[in-house]
C-alpha atoms as a PDB file:
ATOM      1  CA  MET A   1      -0.002  -0.036  -0.010  1.00  0.00           C
ATOM      2  CA  ASP A   2       1.364   3.337  -1.088  1.00  0.00           C
ATOM      3  CA  LEU A   3      -0.698   5.960   0.788  1.00  0.00           C
ATOM      4  CA  VAL A   4      -3.436   6.726   3.198  1.00  0.00           C
ATOM      5  CA  LEU A   5      -4.811  10.183   2.683  1.00  0.00           C
ATOM      6  CA  LYS A   6      -6.719  11.967   5.319  1.00  0.00           C
ATOM      7  CA  ILE A   7      -8.647  15.036   4.179  1.00  0.00           C
ATOM      8  CA  GLY A   8      -9.872  17.374   6.866  1.00  0.00           C
ATOM      9  CA  GLY A   9     -13.393  18.773   6.926  1.00  0.00           C
ATOM     10  CA  ALA A  10     -12.584  22.362   8.066  1.00  0.00           C
ATOM     11  CA  ASP A  11     -13.577  25.416   6.151  1.00  0.00           C
ATOM     12  CA  GLY A  12     -11.393  26.546   3.175  1.00  0.00           C
ATOM     13  CA  MET A  13     -10.267  23.127   1.833  1.00  0.00           C
ATOM     14  CA  ASP A  14     -10.024  22.976  -2.006  1.00  0.00           C
ATOM     15  CA  TYR A  15     -11.770  19.662  -2.614  1.00  0.00           C
ATOM     16  CA  GLU A  16     -11.648  19.929  -6.378  1.00  0.00           C
ATOM     17  CA  ALA A  17      -7.909  20.403  -6.359  1.00  0.00           C
ATOM     18  CA  ILE A  18      -7.515  17.442  -4.022  1.00  0.00           C
ATOM     19  CA  ALA A  19      -9.734  15.251  -6.239  1.00  0.00           C
ATOM     20  CA  ASP A  20      -7.641  16.264  -9.258  1.00  0.00           C
ATOM     21  CA  ASP A  21      -4.472  15.135  -7.415  1.00  0.00           C
ATOM     22  CA  ILE A  22      -6.056  11.839  -6.284  1.00  0.00           C
ATOM     23  CA  LYS A  23      -6.720  11.151 -10.023  1.00  0.00           C
ATOM     24  CA  TRP A  24      -3.175  12.006 -10.873  1.00  0.00           C
ATOM     25  CA  PHE A  25      -1.916   9.669  -8.140  1.00  0.00           C
ATOM     26  CA  CYS A  26      -4.149   6.758  -8.945  1.00  0.00           C
ATOM     27  CA  ASN A  27      -3.633   7.041 -12.767  1.00  0.00           C
ATOM     28  CA  GLY A  28       0.115   6.933 -12.031  1.00  0.00           C
ATOM     29  CA  GLY A  29      -0.314   3.474 -10.610  1.00  0.00           C
ATOM     30  CA  GLY A  30      -0.465   4.522  -6.907  1.00  0.00           C
ATOM     31  CA  LYS A  31      -2.718   2.604  -4.431  1.00  0.00           C
ATOM     32  CA  MET A  32      -4.447   4.582  -1.704  1.00  0.00           C
ATOM     33  CA  VAL A  33      -7.163   4.656   0.775  1.00  0.00           C
ATOM     34  CA  LEU A  34      -9.011   7.956   1.446  1.00  0.00           C
ATOM     35  CA  VAL A  35     -10.195   8.969   4.830  1.00  0.00           C
ATOM     36  CA  HIS A  36     -12.292  12.188   5.158  1.00  0.00           C
ATOM     37  CA  GLY A  37     -13.800  14.436   7.866  1.00  0.00           C
ATOM     38  CA  GLY A  38     -16.767  16.811   7.778  1.00  0.00           C
ATOM     39  CA  SER A  39     -16.579  18.982  10.896  1.00  0.00           C
ATOM     40  CA  ALA A  40     -17.503  22.331   9.422  1.00  0.00           C
ATOM     41  CA  ALA A  41     -20.548  20.943   7.554  1.00  0.00           C
ATOM     42  CA  THR A  42     -21.625  19.052  10.732  1.00  0.00           C
ATOM     43  CA  ASN A  43     -21.497  22.205  12.643  1.00  0.00           C
ATOM     44  CA  GLN A  44     -23.599  24.032  10.106  1.00  0.00           C
ATOM     45  CA  VAL A  45     -26.301  21.278   9.907  1.00  0.00           C
ATOM     46  CA  ALA A  46     -26.389  20.825  13.642  1.00  0.00           C
ATOM     47  CA  ALA A  47     -27.043  24.514  14.187  1.00  0.00           C
ATOM     48  CA  ALA A  48     -29.734  24.516  11.491  1.00  0.00           C
ATOM     49  CA  LEU A  49     -31.471  21.564  13.259  1.00  0.00           C
ATOM     50  CA  GLY A  50     -31.405  23.357  16.595  1.00  0.00           C
ATOM     51  CA  HIS A  51     -28.734  21.046  18.222  1.00  0.00           C
ATOM     52  CA  PRO A  52     -25.645  23.188  17.820  1.00  0.00           C
ATOM     53  CA  ALA A  53     -22.312  21.571  18.259  1.00  0.00           C
ATOM     54  CA  ARG A  54     -20.772  21.399  21.728  1.00  0.00           C
ATOM     55  CA  PHE A  55     -17.136  20.634  22.418  1.00  0.00           C
ATOM     56  CA  VAL A  56     -15.774  19.235  25.746  1.00  0.00           C
ATOM     57  CA  THR A  57     -12.254  19.111  27.194  1.00  0.00           C
ATOM     58  CA  THR A  58     -11.355  15.884  28.889  1.00  0.00           C
ATOM     59  CA  ALA A  59      -9.404  15.772  32.122  1.00  0.00           C
ATOM     60  CA  SER A  60      -6.295  14.763  30.138  1.00  0.00           C
ATOM     61  CA  GLY A  61      -6.638  17.994  28.020  1.00  0.00           C
ATOM     62  CA  HIS A  62      -8.138  16.568  24.838  1.00  0.00           C
ATOM     63  CA  THR A  63     -10.894  18.533  23.085  1.00  0.00           C
ATOM     64  CA  SER A  64     -13.614  16.636  21.255  1.00  0.00           C
ATOM     65  CA  ARG A  65     -17.179  16.882  20.011  1.00  0.00           C
ATOM     66  CA  ARG A  66     -19.832  16.202  22.606  1.00  0.00           C
ATOM     67  CA  THR A  67     -21.608  13.185  20.932  1.00  0.00           C
ATOM     68  CA  ASP A  68     -24.945  12.497  22.496  1.00  0.00           C
ATOM     69  CA  ARG A  69     -27.366  10.302  20.530  1.00  0.00           C
ATOM     70  CA  ARG A  70     -28.898  13.253  18.652  1.00  0.00           C
ATOM     71  CA  THR A  71     -25.444  14.540  17.738  1.00  0.00           C
ATOM     72  CA  MET A  72     -24.545  11.035  16.464  1.00  0.00           C
ATOM     73  CA  GLU A  73     -27.627  11.009  14.179  1.00  0.00           C
ATOM     74  CA  ILE A  74     -26.597  14.395  12.671  1.00  0.00           C
ATOM     75  CA  PHE A  75     -23.015  13.190  12.491  1.00  0.00           C
ATOM     76  CA  GLN A  76     -24.061  10.166  10.443  1.00  0.00           C
ATOM     77  CA  MET A  77     -26.330  12.271   8.333  1.00  0.00           C
ATOM     78  CA  VAL A  78     -23.441  14.584   7.335  1.00  0.00           C
ATOM     79  CA  TYR A  79     -20.377  12.283   7.375  1.00  0.00           C
ATOM     80  CA  CYS A  80     -21.948   9.151   5.904  1.00  0.00           C
ATOM     81  CA  GLY A  81     -24.332  10.938   3.608  1.00  0.00           C
ATOM     82  CA  GLN A  82     -23.393  14.455   2.391  1.00  0.00           C
ATOM     83  CA  MET A  83     -19.629  14.256   2.740  1.00  0.00           C
ATOM     84  CA  ASN A  84     -18.982  10.638   1.924  1.00  0.00           C
ATOM     85  CA  LYS A  85     -21.217  10.581  -1.158  1.00  0.00           C
ATOM     86  CA  GLY A  86     -19.972  13.933  -2.111  1.00  0.00           C
ATOM     87  CA  TRP A  87     -16.487  12.531  -2.292  1.00  0.00           C
ATOM     88  CA  VAL A  88     -17.658   9.426  -4.215  1.00  0.00           C
ATOM     89  CA  GLU A  89     -19.371  11.636  -6.803  1.00  0.00           C
ATOM     90  CA  ARG A  90     -16.343  13.844  -7.074  1.00  0.00           C
ATOM     91  CA  LEU A  91     -14.048  10.915  -7.690  1.00  0.00           C
ATOM     92  CA  GLN A  92     -16.500   9.035  -9.997  1.00  0.00           C
ATOM     93  CA  LYS A  93     -16.677  12.242 -12.170  1.00  0.00           C
ATOM     94  CA  ARG A  94     -12.921  11.824 -12.649  1.00  0.00           C
ATOM     95  CA  GLY A  95     -13.213   8.207 -13.695  1.00  0.00           C
ATOM     96  CA  LEU A  96     -12.141   6.702 -10.454  1.00  0.00           C
ATOM     97  CA  PRO A  97     -13.890   3.650  -8.923  1.00  0.00           C
ATOM     98  CA  ALA A  98     -14.723   5.183  -5.556  1.00  0.00           C
ATOM     99  CA  LEU A  99     -16.487   3.094  -2.987  1.00  0.00           C
ATOM    100  CA  GLY A 100     -17.856   5.092  -0.027  1.00  0.00           C
ATOM    101  CA  LEU A 101     -18.084   3.295   3.370  1.00  0.00           C
ATOM    102  CA  SER A 102     -18.265   4.303   7.033  1.00  0.00           C
ATOM    103  CA  GLY A 103     -16.176   2.725   9.670  1.00  0.00           C
ATOM    104  CA  MET A 104     -19.331   0.896  10.729  1.00  0.00           C
ATOM    105  CA  ASP A 105     -19.710  -0.961   7.488  1.00  0.00           C
ATOM    106  CA  GLY A 106     -18.293  -4.399   7.677  1.00  0.00           C
ATOM    107  CA  ARG A 107     -16.799  -3.422  10.985  1.00  0.00           C
ATOM    108  CA  LEU A 108     -14.095  -1.641   9.187  1.00  0.00           C
ATOM    109  CA  TRP A 109     -13.083   0.251  12.281  1.00  0.00           C
ATOM    110  CA  GLU A 110     -13.903  -1.260  15.697  1.00  0.00           C
ATOM    111  CA  GLY A 111     -13.235   0.121  19.100  1.00  0.00           C
ATOM    112  CA  ARG A 112     -14.586   0.340  22.709  1.00  0.00           C
ATOM    113  CA  ARG A 113     -17.201   2.950  23.493  1.00  0.00           C
ATOM    114  CA  LYS A 114     -16.152   5.109  26.460  1.00  0.00           C
ATOM    115  CA  ARG A 115     -18.958   4.358  28.906  1.00  0.00           C
ATOM    116  CA  THR A 116     -17.929   7.393  31.017  1.00  0.00           C
ATOM    117  CA  LEU A 117     -16.211  10.544  29.835  1.00  0.00           C
ATOM    118  CA  LYS A 118     -14.510  12.727  32.462  1.00  0.00           C
ATOM    119  CA  VAL A 119     -14.617  16.335  31.329  1.00  0.00           C
ATOM    120  CA  VAL A 120     -13.758  19.813  32.698  1.00  0.00           C
ATOM    121  CA  GLU A 121     -16.360  22.569  32.379  1.00  0.00           C
ATOM    122  CA  ASN A 122     -15.943  25.939  33.984  1.00  0.00           C
ATOM    123  CA  GLY A 123     -13.134  24.590  36.042  1.00  0.00           C
ATOM    124  CA  ARG A 124     -15.214  21.772  37.461  1.00  0.00           C
ATOM    125  CA  ARG A 125     -14.987  18.083  36.709  1.00  0.00           C
ATOM    126  CA  ARG A 126     -18.011  16.197  35.375  1.00  0.00           C
ATOM    127  CA  VAL A 127     -18.720  12.655  34.270  1.00  0.00           C
ATOM    128  CA  LEU A 128     -20.683  12.094  31.044  1.00  0.00           C
ATOM    129  CA  ARG A 129     -22.533   8.895  30.746  1.00  0.00           C
ATOM    130  CA  ASP A 130     -24.471   9.275  27.442  1.00  0.00           C
ATOM    131  CA  ASP A 131     -21.581   9.990  25.160  1.00  0.00           C
ATOM    132  CA  TYR A 132     -20.877   7.949  22.015  1.00  0.00           C
ATOM    133  CA  THR A 133     -17.147   8.352  21.552  1.00  0.00           C
ATOM    134  CA  GLY A 134     -14.321   5.922  21.382  1.00  0.00           C
ATOM    135  CA  ARG A 135     -11.046   5.188  19.440  1.00  0.00           C
ATOM    136  CA  VAL A 136     -10.262   2.777  16.637  1.00  0.00           C
ATOM    137  CA  GLU A 137      -8.547  -0.267  18.174  1.00  0.00           C
ATOM    138  CA  ARG A 138      -9.063  -2.812  15.240  1.00  0.00           C
ATOM    139  CA  VAL A 139      -9.186  -2.306  11.456  1.00  0.00           C
ATOM    140  CA  ASN A 140     -10.762  -4.943   9.184  1.00  0.00           C
ATOM    141  CA  ARG A 141      -7.683  -5.256   7.119  1.00  0.00           C
ATOM    142  CA  ASP A 142      -8.994  -8.270   5.088  1.00  0.00           C
ATOM    143  CA  LEU A 143     -12.042  -6.426   3.919  1.00  0.00           C
ATOM    144  CA  LEU A 144      -9.933  -3.367   2.876  1.00  0.00           C
ATOM    145  CA  GLN A 145      -7.444  -5.455   1.031  1.00  0.00           C
ATOM    146  CA  THR A 146     -10.174  -7.286  -0.735  1.00  0.00           C
ATOM    147  CA  ILE A 147     -11.763  -3.965  -1.903  1.00  0.00           C
ATOM    148  CA  LEU A 148      -8.381  -2.748  -3.191  1.00  0.00           C
ATOM    149  CA  LYS A 149      -7.598  -6.077  -4.796  1.00  0.00           C
ATOM    150  CA  ILE A 150     -10.684  -5.950  -6.980  1.00  0.00           C
ATOM    151  CA  GLY A 151      -9.837  -2.445  -8.099  1.00  0.00           C
ATOM    152  CA  TYR A 152     -11.910  -0.046  -5.954  1.00  0.00           C
ATOM    153  CA  LEU A 153     -10.742   3.185  -4.186  1.00  0.00           C
ATOM    154  CA  PRO A 154     -12.070   2.977  -0.579  1.00  0.00           C
ATOM    155  CA  VAL A 155     -13.503   6.348   0.749  1.00  0.00           C
ATOM    156  CA  LEU A 156     -13.847   5.954   4.454  1.00  0.00           C
ATOM    157  CA  THR A 157     -15.415   8.009   7.197  1.00  0.00           C
ATOM    158  CA  PRO A 158     -16.313   7.928  10.854  1.00  0.00           C
ATOM    159  CA  PRO A 159     -18.200   6.832  12.807  1.00  0.00           C
ATOM    160  CA  ALA A 160     -16.712   3.490  13.839  1.00  0.00           C
ATOM    161  CA  ILE A 161     -18.564   0.627  15.447  1.00  0.00           C
ATOM    162  CA  SER A 162     -18.225  -0.531  19.154  1.00  0.00           C
ATOM    163  CA  TYR A 163     -17.754  -4.188  19.957  1.00  0.00           C
ATOM    164  CA  GLU A 164     -21.343  -4.179  21.090  1.00  0.00           C
ATOM    165  CA  GLY A 165     -22.542  -2.796  17.782  1.00  0.00           C
ATOM    166  CA  GLU A 166     -23.028   0.874  18.580  1.00  0.00           C
ATOM    167  CA  ALA A 167     -21.994   3.708  16.446  1.00  0.00           C
ATOM    168  CA  ILE A 168     -19.130   5.635  18.070  1.00  0.00           C
ATOM    169  CA  ASN A 169     -17.557   8.962  17.083  1.00  0.00           C
ATOM    170  CA  VAL A 170     -13.829   8.577  16.549  1.00  0.00           C
ATOM    171  CA  ASP A 171     -11.125  11.010  15.616  1.00  0.00           C
ATOM    172  CA  GLY A 172     -10.454  10.844  11.801  1.00  0.00           C
ATOM    173  CA  ASP A 173      -6.728  11.546  11.917  1.00  0.00           C
ATOM    174  CA  ARG A 174      -6.057   8.803  14.413  1.00  0.00           C
ATOM    175  CA  ALA A 175      -8.380   6.458  12.446  1.00  0.00           C
ATOM    176  CA  ALA A 176      -6.458   7.199   9.316  1.00  0.00           C
ATOM    177  CA  ALA A 177      -3.288   6.383  11.255  1.00  0.00           C
ATOM    178  CA  SER A 178      -4.617   3.065  12.443  1.00  0.00           C
ATOM    179  CA  THR A 179      -5.695   2.333   8.741  1.00  0.00           C
ATOM    180  CA  ALA A 180      -2.167   3.085   7.474  1.00  0.00           C
ATOM    181  CA  VAL A 181      -0.639   0.750  10.016  1.00  0.00           C
ATOM    182  CA  ALA A 182      -3.071  -1.977   9.329  1.00  0.00           C
ATOM    183  CA  LEU A 183      -2.342  -1.937   5.560  1.00  0.00           C
ATOM    184  CA  ALA A 184       1.399  -1.355   5.943  1.00  0.00           C
ATOM    185  CA  ALA A 185       1.183   1.997   4.047  1.00  0.00           C
ATOM    186  CA  ARG A 186       4.370   3.685   3.295  1.00  0.00           C
ATOM    187  CA  GLN A 187       3.082   7.061   4.100  1.00  0.00           C
ATOM    188  CA  LEU A 188       0.197   8.926   5.651  1.00  0.00           C
ATOM    189  CA  VAL A 189      -0.731  12.353   4.315  1.00  0.00           C
ATOM    190  CA  ILE A 190      -2.992  14.603   6.345  1.00  0.00           C
ATOM    191  CA  LEU A 191      -4.431  17.641   4.512  1.00  0.00           C
ATOM    192  CA  THR A 192      -5.854  20.400   6.538  1.00  0.00           C
ATOM    193  CA  ASN A 193      -6.536  24.085   6.439  1.00  0.00           C
ATOM    194  CA  VAL A 194      -3.058  25.331   7.631  1.00  0.00           C
ATOM    195  CA  PRO A 195       0.368  24.819   5.956  1.00  0.00           C
ATOM    196  CA  GLY A 196       1.403  22.185   8.587  1.00  0.00           C
ATOM    197  CA  LEU A 197       2.598  22.478  12.166  1.00  0.00           C
ATOM    198  CA  LEU A 198       3.185  26.295  12.974  1.00  0.00           C
ATOM    199  CA  ARG A 199       5.370  27.378  15.849  1.00  0.00           C
ATOM    200  CA  GLN A 200       3.200  30.471  16.261  1.00  0.00           C
ATOM    201  CA  TYR A 201      -0.225  30.008  14.879  1.00  0.00           C
ATOM    202  CA  PRO A 202      -1.496  31.368  12.558  1.00  0.00           C
ATOM    203  CA  ASP A 203       1.877  32.695  11.238  1.00  0.00           C
ATOM    204  CA  ALA A 204       2.524  30.648   8.088  1.00  0.00           C
ATOM    205  CA  ASN A 205       6.161  31.734   8.188  1.00  0.00           C
ATOM    206  CA  SER A 206       6.520  29.828  11.461  1.00  0.00           C
ATOM    207  CA  LEU A 207       6.184  26.409   9.753  1.00  0.00           C
ATOM    208  CA  VAL A 208       8.047  23.482  11.150  1.00  0.00           C
ATOM    209  CA  PRO A 209       9.262  21.709   8.010  1.00  0.00           C
ATOM    210  CA  PHE A 210      10.596  18.545   9.615  1.00  0.00           C
ATOM    211  CA  ILE A 211      10.238  16.624  12.884  1.00  0.00           C
ATOM    212  CA  SER A 212      12.047  13.344  13.743  1.00  0.00           C
ATOM    213  CA  ALA A 213      10.010  10.758  15.427  1.00  0.00           C
ATOM    214  CA  ALA A 214      12.342  10.953  18.414  1.00  0.00           C
ATOM    215  CA  HIS A 215      11.416  14.601  18.974  1.00  0.00           C
ATOM    216  CA  LEU A 216       7.716  14.399  18.247  1.00  0.00           C
ATOM    217  CA  ALA A 217       6.758  14.352  22.057  1.00  0.00           C
ATOM    218  CA  ASP A 218       8.475  17.766  22.393  1.00  0.00           C
ATOM    219  CA  TYR A 219       6.131  19.239  19.838  1.00  0.00           C
ATOM    220  CA  LEU A 220       3.025  17.432  21.295  1.00  0.00           C
ATOM    221  CA  LYS A 221       3.552  19.306  24.635  1.00  0.00           C
ATOM    222  CA  GLY A 222       2.881  22.682  22.980  1.00  0.00           C
ATOM    223  CA  ALA A 223       0.237  21.652  20.479  1.00  0.00           C
ATOM    224  CA  GLY A 224      -3.459  22.326  21.031  1.00  0.00           C
ATOM    225  CA  GLY A 225      -6.855  21.711  19.449  1.00  0.00           C
ATOM    226  CA  ARG A 226      -7.072  19.661  16.243  1.00  0.00           C
ATOM    227  CA  MET A 227      -3.289  19.779  15.701  1.00  0.00           C
ATOM    228  CA  LYS A 228      -2.625  17.749  18.860  1.00  0.00           C
ATOM    229  CA  LYS A 229      -4.750  14.958  17.465  1.00  0.00           C
ATOM    230  CA  LYS A 230      -2.913  15.071  14.153  1.00  0.00           C
ATOM    231  CA  LEU A 231       0.431  14.758  15.945  1.00  0.00           C
ATOM    232  CA  LEU A 232      -0.897  11.986  18.107  1.00  0.00           C
ATOM    233  CA  GLY A 233      -2.013  10.195  14.938  1.00  0.00           C
ATOM    234  CA  ALA A 234       1.363  10.836  13.375  1.00  0.00           C
ATOM    235  CA  GLY A 235       3.126   9.205  16.258  1.00  0.00           C
ATOM    236  CA  GLU A 236       0.849   6.179  16.245  1.00  0.00           C
ATOM    237  CA  ALA A 237       1.396   5.708  12.505  1.00  0.00           C
ATOM    238  CA  LEU A 238       5.225   5.921  12.916  1.00  0.00           C
ATOM    239  CA  ALA A 239       5.183   3.532  15.809  1.00  0.00           C
ATOM    240  CA  GLY A 240       3.222   1.070  13.758  1.00  0.00           C
ATOM    241  CA  GLY A 241       5.699   1.088  10.890  1.00  0.00           C
ATOM    242  CA  VAL A 242       4.615   3.849   8.635  1.00  0.00           C
ATOM    243  CA  GLU A 243       7.690   5.397   7.129  1.00  0.00           C
ATOM    244  CA  ARG A 244       6.541   8.976   6.722  1.00  0.00           C
ATOM    245  CA  VAL A 245       3.734  11.343   7.822  1.00  0.00           C
ATOM    246  CA  VAL A 246       3.089  14.690   6.119  1.00  0.00           C
ATOM    247  CA  LEU A 247       0.895  17.376   7.431  1.00  0.00           C
ATOM    248  CA  ALA A 248       0.120  19.749   4.601  1.00  0.00           C
ATOM    249  CA  ASP A 249      -2.072  22.430   3.211  1.00  0.00           C
ATOM    250  CA  GLY A 250      -5.344  21.319   1.487  1.00  0.00           C
ATOM    251  CA  ARG A 251      -6.181  24.837   0.298  1.00  0.00           C
ATOM    252  CA  VAL A 252      -3.410  25.247  -2.331  1.00  0.00           C
ATOM    253  CA  PRO A 253      -3.031  24.112  -5.979  1.00  0.00           C
ATOM    254  CA  ASN A 254      -1.789  20.555  -6.388  1.00  0.00           C
ATOM    255  CA  PRO A 255      -2.032  19.851  -2.558  1.00  0.00           C
ATOM    256  CA  LEU A 256      -1.430  16.098  -2.636  1.00  0.00           C
ATOM    257  CA  ARG A 257       1.543  16.520  -5.045  1.00  0.00           C
ATOM    258  CA  ARG A 258       3.045  19.230  -2.768  1.00  0.00           C
ATOM    259  CA  ALA A 259       2.619  17.102   0.259  1.00  0.00           C
ATOM    260  CA  ILE A 260       4.276  14.081  -1.444  1.00  0.00           C
ATOM    261  CA  GLU A 261       7.162  16.418  -2.361  1.00  0.00           C
ATOM    262  CA  GLY A 262       7.555  17.369   1.318  1.00  0.00           C
ATOM    263  CA  GLN A 263       5.886  20.727   1.321  1.00  0.00           C
ATOM    264  CA  GLY A 264       4.370  20.891   4.792  1.00  0.00           C
ATOM    265  CA  THR A 265       5.610  19.228   8.008  1.00  0.00           C
ATOM    266  CA  VAL A 266       7.286  15.928   7.335  1.00  0.00           C
ATOM    267  CA  ILE A 267       7.487  13.619  10.348  1.00  0.00           C
ATOM    268  CA  SER A 268       9.721  10.514   9.959  1.00  0.00           C
END
């Protein structure tokens, strides 16, 4: 497997340019699995439906979407519907045999649902018991390899499935990292709405061009928000045998080509 590509769902991403580069990569003989997000669209739909997005910070300092059952329904509507089938359509228009699936389908991504979630709100600790979140612990490698072998391009999205058969919201970057490890991918590319890791966000001139795996923990200490999850995913991918992770800009022309060339933050 050559590449797992994770495409972020934040505002400003140039999906058409990314799709053009996916065609360039696949027509050149490359094999890939695509993982996408949909956070911005989910926030918009949730607000329109009267159930606006809420984010919580865990006791360990990680920020994530508060996923009660209604939020999960909206999440599935956008991720599995609008975003996933939007990517399938975009790639099919370019002659690529895209096959859209969620992590629930065929138990592609399995994990344990967190029965309790310890969060900090207004300086006070709370325990949430109706949250549907978790982390990918097992990837159905055989199913993905079969899909790839018969010539399809897998287009994957959260949610994953719990061992008890419940939909769980999982982080897309870390799910992509788990997928890259399971398929022994040579590299993981994460396209987002910033040029890469910035020492002083949002100053693009403060881009960190290279991080060695041995020093990744140093950068994790100062990272916040979504970037922290991306760096965690990068570390998990490298620990699992992936040779190279690139965090790169998905708003520019030829975003995937640039990332493969090392324009962004290369972690190896």
